[in-house]
Amino acid sequence: MTKLVKNRVLNQLNYLKSFGYEYHESLDFFSNNIKNAKLPNNINDLSISVSHCYLCELSKCRKNILFGYGNTNSDIMFISDEPSNSEDELGSFYVGKSGELLIKMIENVLNITKEDVYYTTLVKCKSTNGLNNSNIETCHDYLLKQIELIKPKLIVALGEKTYSYLLKNGDNFSQSRGKELVFNGISLIATFSPTFLLRNPSSKKDAYYDMLKIKNYMESLN
């Protein structure tokens, strides 16, 4: 359709509108409701769908797909940015030094096991040259569907990248960390990622206090 024809069509539509004709509002084909409409409404079926995903370049370099792990009826959901090298290598969460540290954070502070929480990542495949927003956007619908199906009462965002992507508010991570925030109507508390803490052990004390706040929040639900 040429520009001239488009202008003629628009002029005709505007002319008819002046006589009271109404037109359906334009559809947002990228809205979450439309994009999620065809995703399975069962967590196991969703996992199978993700296991056959080849929508971005991460699928070309991954060794394994890491969908999620833990209690699908849990009130608390941990979200990290991406699987670690060890997790990609072994096809399992909570492996390697970062996985071991996360277990300690959960078990030693929250006094529950890793099986009591649900854990997943923004993307389901390990990147080789660092995550970019395109990779995360491709996986975003999977994550939203996971959250919809798990129905957590609290989301724990592990790391600045996870926090920044989910909230998109531009607030400083160091100032927002440990505070009760909201993502899609669900309470969210951000803290340091285990990977960051391994590189910056001096921040473990702050992470400990964040986990105490998470524990207090969870206890307040009972």
C-alpha atoms as a PDB file:
ATOM      1  CA  MET A   1       0.000   0.000   0.000  1.00  0.00           C
ATOM      2  CA  THR A   2       1.488   3.321  -1.121  1.00  0.00           C
ATOM      3  CA  LYS A   3       1.627   6.387   1.093  1.00  0.00           C
ATOM      4  CA  LEU A   4      -0.947   8.097  -1.137  1.00  0.00           C
ATOM      5  CA  VAL A   5      -3.403   5.213  -0.750  1.00  0.00           C
ATOM      6  CA  LYS A   6      -2.844   5.114   3.041  1.00  0.00           C
ATOM      7  CA  ASN A   7      -3.637   8.824   3.282  1.00  0.00           C
ATOM      8  CA  ARG A   8      -6.813   8.380   1.254  1.00  0.00           C
ATOM      9  CA  VAL A   9      -7.949   5.509   3.500  1.00  0.00           C
ATOM     10  CA  LEU A  10      -7.245   7.542   6.649  1.00  0.00           C
ATOM     11  CA  ASN A  11      -9.107  10.530   5.256  1.00  0.00           C
ATOM     12  CA  GLN A  12     -12.099   8.346   4.442  1.00  0.00           C
ATOM     13  CA  LEU A  13     -12.090   6.781   7.910  1.00  0.00           C
ATOM     14  CA  ASN A  14     -11.877  10.176   9.563  1.00  0.00           C
ATOM     15  CA  TYR A  15     -14.702  11.408   7.343  1.00  0.00           C
ATOM     16  CA  LEU A  16     -16.919   8.472   8.391  1.00  0.00           C
ATOM     17  CA  LYS A  17     -15.931   8.970  12.039  1.00  0.00           C
ATOM     18  CA  SER A  18     -17.242  12.536  11.829  1.00  0.00           C
ATOM     19  CA  PHE A  19     -20.690  11.010  11.169  1.00  0.00           C
ATOM     20  CA  GLY A  20     -20.545   8.886  14.307  1.00  0.00           C
ATOM     21  CA  TYR A  21     -18.950   5.698  13.036  1.00  0.00           C
ATOM     22  CA  GLU A  22     -16.797   3.959  15.652  1.00  0.00           C
ATOM     23  CA  TYR A  23     -13.917   1.563  15.165  1.00  0.00           C
ATOM     24  CA  HIS A  24     -12.525  -1.158  17.391  1.00  0.00           C
ATOM     25  CA  GLU A  25      -9.545  -0.065  19.439  1.00  0.00           C
ATOM     26  CA  SER A  26      -6.250  -1.227  17.999  1.00  0.00           C
ATOM     27  CA  LEU A  27      -5.024  -4.479  19.493  1.00  0.00           C
ATOM     28  CA  ASP A  28      -1.732  -4.597  21.315  1.00  0.00           C
ATOM     29  CA  PHE A  29      -0.336  -7.763  19.806  1.00  0.00           C
ATOM     30  CA  PHE A  30       2.558  -7.618  22.232  1.00  0.00           C
ATOM     31  CA  SER A  31       0.521  -7.459  25.420  1.00  0.00           C
ATOM     32  CA  ASN A  32       1.280 -10.130  27.981  1.00  0.00           C
ATOM     33  CA  ASN A  33      -2.248 -11.545  27.844  1.00  0.00           C
ATOM     34  CA  ILE A  34      -2.058 -12.174  24.116  1.00  0.00           C
ATOM     35  CA  LYS A  35       1.501 -13.498  24.165  1.00  0.00           C
ATOM     36  CA  ASN A  36       0.760 -15.850  27.053  1.00  0.00           C
ATOM     37  CA  ALA A  37      -2.545 -17.055  25.633  1.00  0.00           C
ATOM     38  CA  LYS A  38      -1.082 -20.129  23.958  1.00  0.00           C
ATOM     39  CA  LEU A  39       1.283 -21.144  26.736  1.00  0.00           C
ATOM     40  CA  PRO A  40       0.275 -24.257  28.714  1.00  0.00           C
ATOM     41  CA  ASN A  41      -1.653 -23.779  31.933  1.00  0.00           C
ATOM     42  CA  ASN A  42       0.235 -26.612  33.600  1.00  0.00           C
ATOM     43  CA  ILE A  43       3.742 -26.175  34.989  1.00  0.00           C
ATOM     44  CA  ASN A  44       4.943 -29.537  33.679  1.00  0.00           C
ATOM     45  CA  ASP A  45       3.582 -28.871  30.201  1.00  0.00           C
ATOM     46  CA  LEU A  46       5.174 -25.436  30.273  1.00  0.00           C
ATOM     47  CA  SER A  47       8.502 -27.037  31.149  1.00  0.00           C
ATOM     48  CA  ILE A  48       8.175 -29.335  28.128  1.00  0.00           C
ATOM     49  CA  SER A  49       7.407 -26.356  25.887  1.00  0.00           C
ATOM     50  CA  VAL A  50      10.508 -24.540  27.137  1.00  0.00           C
ATOM     51  CA  SER A  51      12.628 -27.642  26.550  1.00  0.00           C
ATOM     52  CA  HIS A  52      11.820 -27.319  22.838  1.00  0.00           C
ATOM     53  CA  CYS A  53      12.505 -23.597  22.611  1.00  0.00           C
ATOM     54  CA  TYR A  54      14.869 -22.282  19.937  1.00  0.00           C
ATOM     55  CA  LEU A  55      13.695 -18.664  19.828  1.00  0.00           C
ATOM     56  CA  CYS A  56      17.018 -16.944  20.542  1.00  0.00           C
ATOM     57  CA  GLU A  57      20.727 -17.449  20.057  1.00  0.00           C
ATOM     58  CA  LEU A  58      21.166 -18.854  23.573  1.00  0.00           C
ATOM     59  CA  SER A  59      19.634 -22.087  22.307  1.00  0.00           C
ATOM     60  CA  LYS A  60      22.620 -22.508  20.002  1.00  0.00           C
ATOM     61  CA  CYS A  61      25.232 -22.544  22.749  1.00  0.00           C
ATOM     62  CA  ARG A  62      23.440 -24.089  25.722  1.00  0.00           C
ATOM     63  CA  LYS A  63      24.221 -27.528  26.999  1.00  0.00           C
ATOM     64  CA  ASN A  64      21.042 -27.839  29.044  1.00  0.00           C
ATOM     65  CA  ILE A  65      17.795 -25.986  29.615  1.00  0.00           C
ATOM     66  CA  LEU A  66      17.189 -24.970  33.226  1.00  0.00           C
ATOM     67  CA  PHE A  67      13.467 -24.370  33.691  1.00  0.00           C
ATOM     68  CA  GLY A  68      12.874 -24.349  37.440  1.00  0.00           C
ATOM     69  CA  TYR A  69      13.249 -26.349  40.606  1.00  0.00           C
ATOM     70  CA  GLY A  70      11.419 -26.796  43.867  1.00  0.00           C
ATOM     71  CA  ASN A  71       7.972 -26.665  45.386  1.00  0.00           C
ATOM     72  CA  THR A  72       5.424 -25.578  42.786  1.00  0.00           C
ATOM     73  CA  ASN A  73       3.051 -24.676  45.627  1.00  0.00           C
ATOM     74  CA  SER A  74       5.587 -22.549  47.474  1.00  0.00           C
ATOM     75  CA  ASP A  75       4.755 -19.083  48.777  1.00  0.00           C
ATOM     76  CA  ILE A  76       8.263 -17.883  47.914  1.00  0.00           C
ATOM     77  CA  MET A  77       9.944 -17.785  44.515  1.00  0.00           C
ATOM     78  CA  PHE A  78      13.626 -17.041  43.955  1.00  0.00           C
ATOM     79  CA  ILE A  79      14.603 -15.573  40.586  1.00  0.00           C
ATOM     80  CA  SER A  80      18.174 -15.172  39.365  1.00  0.00           C
ATOM     81  CA  ASP A  81      19.371 -13.774  36.044  1.00  0.00           C
ATOM     82  CA  GLU A  82      20.660 -16.911  34.320  1.00  0.00           C
ATOM     83  CA  PRO A  83      21.918 -20.427  35.043  1.00  0.00           C
ATOM     84  CA  SER A  84      25.539 -20.690  36.138  1.00  0.00           C
ATOM     85  CA  ASN A  85      28.203 -22.496  34.139  1.00  0.00           C
ATOM     86  CA  SER A  86      27.999 -25.458  36.492  1.00  0.00           C
ATOM     87  CA  GLU A  87      24.209 -25.593  36.236  1.00  0.00           C
ATOM     88  CA  ASP A  88      24.382 -25.495  32.446  1.00  0.00           C
ATOM     89  CA  GLU A  89      27.038 -28.195  32.448  1.00  0.00           C
ATOM     90  CA  LEU A  90      25.172 -30.558  34.767  1.00  0.00           C
ATOM     91  CA  GLY A  91      21.589 -29.628  33.870  1.00  0.00           C
ATOM     92  CA  SER A  92      20.661 -29.028  37.501  1.00  0.00           C
ATOM     93  CA  PHE A  93      20.114 -26.049  39.801  1.00  0.00           C
ATOM     94  CA  TYR A  94      21.989 -25.508  43.085  1.00  0.00           C
ATOM     95  CA  VAL A  95      25.294 -26.897  41.835  1.00  0.00           C
ATOM     96  CA  GLY A  96      28.693 -25.228  41.867  1.00  0.00           C
ATOM     97  CA  LYS A  97      29.892 -22.699  44.424  1.00  0.00           C
ATOM     98  CA  SER A  98      27.068 -20.218  43.780  1.00  0.00           C
ATOM     99  CA  GLY A  99      24.478 -22.967  44.140  1.00  0.00           C
ATOM    100  CA  GLU A 100      26.020 -24.160  47.393  1.00  0.00           C
ATOM    101  CA  LEU A 101      25.999 -20.617  48.756  1.00  0.00           C
ATOM    102  CA  LEU A 102      22.355 -20.147  47.834  1.00  0.00           C
ATOM    103  CA  ILE A 103      21.474 -23.346  49.677  1.00  0.00           C
ATOM    104  CA  LYS A 104      23.205 -21.984  52.783  1.00  0.00           C
ATOM    105  CA  MET A 105      21.340 -18.683  52.476  1.00  0.00           C
ATOM    106  CA  ILE A 106      18.030 -20.530  52.326  1.00  0.00           C
ATOM    107  CA  GLU A 107      18.668 -23.224  54.901  1.00  0.00           C
ATOM    108  CA  ASN A 108      20.749 -21.327  57.464  1.00  0.00           C
ATOM    109  CA  VAL A 109      18.680 -18.127  57.532  1.00  0.00           C
ATOM    110  CA  LEU A 110      15.185 -19.046  56.380  1.00  0.00           C
ATOM    111  CA  ASN A 111      15.377 -22.411  58.191  1.00  0.00           C
ATOM    112  CA  ILE A 112      13.785 -24.252  55.285  1.00  0.00           C
ATOM    113  CA  THR A 113      15.184 -26.481  52.558  1.00  0.00           C
ATOM    114  CA  LYS A 114      15.750 -25.676  48.911  1.00  0.00           C
ATOM    115  CA  GLU A 115      12.861 -28.034  48.147  1.00  0.00           C
ATOM    116  CA  ASP A 116      10.533 -25.716  50.078  1.00  0.00           C
ATOM    117  CA  VAL A 117      11.032 -22.790  47.688  1.00  0.00           C
ATOM    118  CA  TYR A 118      10.676 -22.466  43.936  1.00  0.00           C
ATOM    119  CA  TYR A 119      13.734 -21.298  42.023  1.00  0.00           C
ATOM    120  CA  THR A 120      14.088 -20.170  38.429  1.00  0.00           C
ATOM    121  CA  THR A 121      15.928 -17.677  36.223  1.00  0.00           C
ATOM    122  CA  LEU A 122      15.088 -14.844  33.842  1.00  0.00           C
ATOM    123  CA  VAL A 123      16.414 -16.925  30.961  1.00  0.00           C
ATOM    124  CA  LYS A 124      16.408 -20.692  30.789  1.00  0.00           C
ATOM    125  CA  CYS A 125      19.715 -21.091  28.976  1.00  0.00           C
ATOM    126  CA  LYS A 126      23.235 -20.029  29.908  1.00  0.00           C
ATOM    127  CA  SER A 127      24.714 -17.181  27.869  1.00  0.00           C
ATOM    128  CA  THR A 128      28.294 -17.275  26.620  1.00  0.00           C
ATOM    129  CA  ASN A 129      28.987 -13.568  26.205  1.00  0.00           C
ATOM    130  CA  GLY A 130      26.686 -12.094  28.839  1.00  0.00           C
ATOM    131  CA  LEU A 131      22.942 -11.521  28.826  1.00  0.00           C
ATOM    132  CA  ASN A 132      21.299  -8.821  26.789  1.00  0.00           C
ATOM    133  CA  ASN A 133      17.738  -7.547  26.980  1.00  0.00           C
ATOM    134  CA  SER A 134      16.813  -9.331  23.785  1.00  0.00           C
ATOM    135  CA  ASN A 135      17.611 -12.699  25.369  1.00  0.00           C
ATOM    136  CA  ILE A 136      15.629 -11.839  28.489  1.00  0.00           C
ATOM    137  CA  GLU A 137      12.650 -10.497  26.533  1.00  0.00           C
ATOM    138  CA  THR A 138      12.465 -13.730  24.546  1.00  0.00           C
ATOM    139  CA  CYS A 139      12.146 -15.727  27.781  1.00  0.00           C
ATOM    140  CA  HIS A 140       9.961 -13.188  29.566  1.00  0.00           C
ATOM    141  CA  ASP A 141       6.645 -14.846  28.704  1.00  0.00           C
ATOM    142  CA  TYR A 142       7.892 -18.143  30.117  1.00  0.00           C
ATOM    143  CA  LEU A 143       8.797 -16.432  33.370  1.00  0.00           C
ATOM    144  CA  LEU A 144       5.467 -14.602  33.614  1.00  0.00           C
ATOM    145  CA  LYS A 145       3.637 -17.872  33.040  1.00  0.00           C
ATOM    146  CA  GLN A 146       5.731 -19.581  35.715  1.00  0.00           C
ATOM    147  CA  ILE A 147       4.830 -16.854  38.175  1.00  0.00           C
ATOM    148  CA  GLU A 148       1.169 -17.107  37.201  1.00  0.00           C
ATOM    149  CA  LEU A 149       1.154 -20.873  37.778  1.00  0.00           C
ATOM    150  CA  ILE A 150       3.273 -20.927  40.946  1.00  0.00           C
ATOM    151  CA  LYS A 151       1.344 -18.019  42.503  1.00  0.00           C
ATOM    152  CA  PRO A 152       4.064 -16.980  44.975  1.00  0.00           C
ATOM    153  CA  LYS A 153       3.295 -14.495  47.723  1.00  0.00           C
ATOM    154  CA  LEU A 154       6.877 -13.234  47.667  1.00  0.00           C
ATOM    155  CA  ILE A 155       9.469 -13.005  44.907  1.00  0.00           C
ATOM    156  CA  VAL A 156      13.138 -12.783  45.858  1.00  0.00           C
ATOM    157  CA  ALA A 157      15.135 -11.092  43.099  1.00  0.00           C
ATOM    158  CA  LEU A 158      18.734 -12.275  43.246  1.00  0.00           C
ATOM    159  CA  GLY A 159      21.127  -9.659  41.951  1.00  0.00           C
ATOM    160  CA  GLU A 160      21.020  -6.220  40.414  1.00  0.00           C
ATOM    161  CA  LYS A 161      20.365  -7.467  36.879  1.00  0.00           C
ATOM    162  CA  THR A 162      17.282  -9.423  37.956  1.00  0.00           C
ATOM    163  CA  TYR A 163      16.024  -6.544  40.087  1.00  0.00           C
ATOM    164  CA  SER A 164      16.553  -3.952  37.327  1.00  0.00           C
ATOM    165  CA  TYR A 165      14.857  -6.025  34.653  1.00  0.00           C
ATOM    166  CA  LEU A 166      11.801  -6.959  36.686  1.00  0.00           C
ATOM    167  CA  LEU A 167      11.060  -3.537  38.158  1.00  0.00           C
ATOM    168  CA  LYS A 168      12.353  -1.239  35.415  1.00  0.00           C
ATOM    169  CA  ASN A 169      12.038   1.748  37.741  1.00  0.00           C
ATOM    170  CA  GLY A 170      15.585   3.073  37.540  1.00  0.00           C
ATOM    171  CA  ASP A 171      15.962   3.078  41.321  1.00  0.00           C
ATOM    172  CA  ASN A 172      19.385   2.353  42.719  1.00  0.00           C
ATOM    173  CA  PHE A 173      19.768  -1.320  43.620  1.00  0.00           C
ATOM    174  CA  SER A 174      21.862  -0.617  46.692  1.00  0.00           C
ATOM    175  CA  GLN A 175      19.140   1.652  48.079  1.00  0.00           C
ATOM    176  CA  SER A 176      16.202  -0.601  47.180  1.00  0.00           C
ATOM    177  CA  ARG A 177      17.824  -3.863  48.261  1.00  0.00           C
ATOM    178  CA  GLY A 178      16.110  -5.452  51.248  1.00  0.00           C
ATOM    179  CA  LYS A 179      12.973  -3.320  50.952  1.00  0.00           C
ATOM    180  CA  GLU A 180       9.523  -4.689  50.227  1.00  0.00           C
ATOM    181  CA  LEU A 181       8.651  -3.750  46.649  1.00  0.00           C
ATOM    182  CA  VAL A 182       5.962  -4.901  44.235  1.00  0.00           C
ATOM    183  CA  PHE A 183       6.128  -6.730  40.891  1.00  0.00           C
ATOM    184  CA  ASN A 184       2.854  -7.381  39.053  1.00  0.00           C
ATOM    185  CA  GLY A 185       0.936  -7.166  42.312  1.00  0.00           C
ATOM    186  CA  ILE A 186       3.300  -9.546  44.135  1.00  0.00           C
ATOM    187  CA  SER A 187       5.617  -8.494  46.955  1.00  0.00           C
ATOM    188  CA  LEU A 188       9.270  -8.512  45.940  1.00  0.00           C
ATOM    189  CA  ILE A 189      12.475  -8.223  47.951  1.00  0.00           C
ATOM    190  CA  ALA A 190      15.840  -7.960  46.226  1.00  0.00           C
ATOM    191  CA  THR A 191      19.184  -9.068  47.570  1.00  0.00           C
ATOM    192  CA  PHE A 192      22.648  -9.854  46.267  1.00  0.00           C
ATOM    193  CA  SER A 193      23.121 -12.837  43.985  1.00  0.00           C
ATOM    194  CA  PRO A 194      25.321 -15.689  45.228  1.00  0.00           C
ATOM    195  CA  THR A 195      27.692 -15.057  42.310  1.00  0.00           C
ATOM    196  CA  PHE A 196      28.178 -11.452  43.453  1.00  0.00           C
ATOM    197  CA  LEU A 197      28.716 -12.553  47.042  1.00  0.00           C
ATOM    198  CA  LEU A 198      31.435 -14.986  45.993  1.00  0.00           C
ATOM    199  CA  ARG A 199      33.275 -12.089  44.357  1.00  0.00           C
ATOM    200  CA  ASN A 200      32.451  -9.654  47.175  1.00  0.00           C
ATOM    201  CA  PRO A 201      32.384 -11.594  50.464  1.00  0.00           C
ATOM    202  CA  SER A 202      32.251  -8.339  52.443  1.00  0.00           C
ATOM    203  CA  SER A 203      28.602  -7.988  51.311  1.00  0.00           C
ATOM    204  CA  LYS A 204      27.549 -11.277  52.914  1.00  0.00           C
ATOM    205  CA  LYS A 205      26.571  -9.479  56.120  1.00  0.00           C
ATOM    206  CA  ASP A 206      24.166  -7.214  54.219  1.00  0.00           C
ATOM    207  CA  ALA A 207      22.761 -10.224  52.380  1.00  0.00           C
ATOM    208  CA  TYR A 208      22.221 -11.934  55.733  1.00  0.00           C
ATOM    209  CA  TYR A 209      20.082  -9.026  56.961  1.00  0.00           C
ATOM    210  CA  ASP A 210      18.146  -9.073  53.678  1.00  0.00           C
ATOM    211  CA  MET A 211      17.400 -12.752  54.223  1.00  0.00           C
ATOM    212  CA  LEU A 212      16.218 -12.006  57.760  1.00  0.00           C
ATOM    213  CA  LYS A 213      13.735  -9.507  56.316  1.00  0.00           C
ATOM    214  CA  ILE A 214      12.593 -12.183  53.886  1.00  0.00           C
ATOM    215  CA  LYS A 215      12.179 -14.603  56.784  1.00  0.00           C
ATOM    216  CA  ASN A 216      10.156 -12.069  58.770  1.00  0.00           C
ATOM    217  CA  TYR A 217       7.909 -11.435  55.792  1.00  0.00           C
ATOM    218  CA  MET A 218       7.265 -15.123  55.266  1.00  0.00           C
ATOM    219  CA  GLU A 219       6.511 -15.621  58.969  1.00  0.00           C
ATOM    220  CA  SER A 220       4.030 -12.751  58.853  1.00  0.00           C
ATOM    221  CA  LEU A 221       2.016 -14.674  56.258  1.00  0.00           C
ATOM    222  CA  ASN A 222       1.319 -17.504  58.683  1.00  0.00           C
END
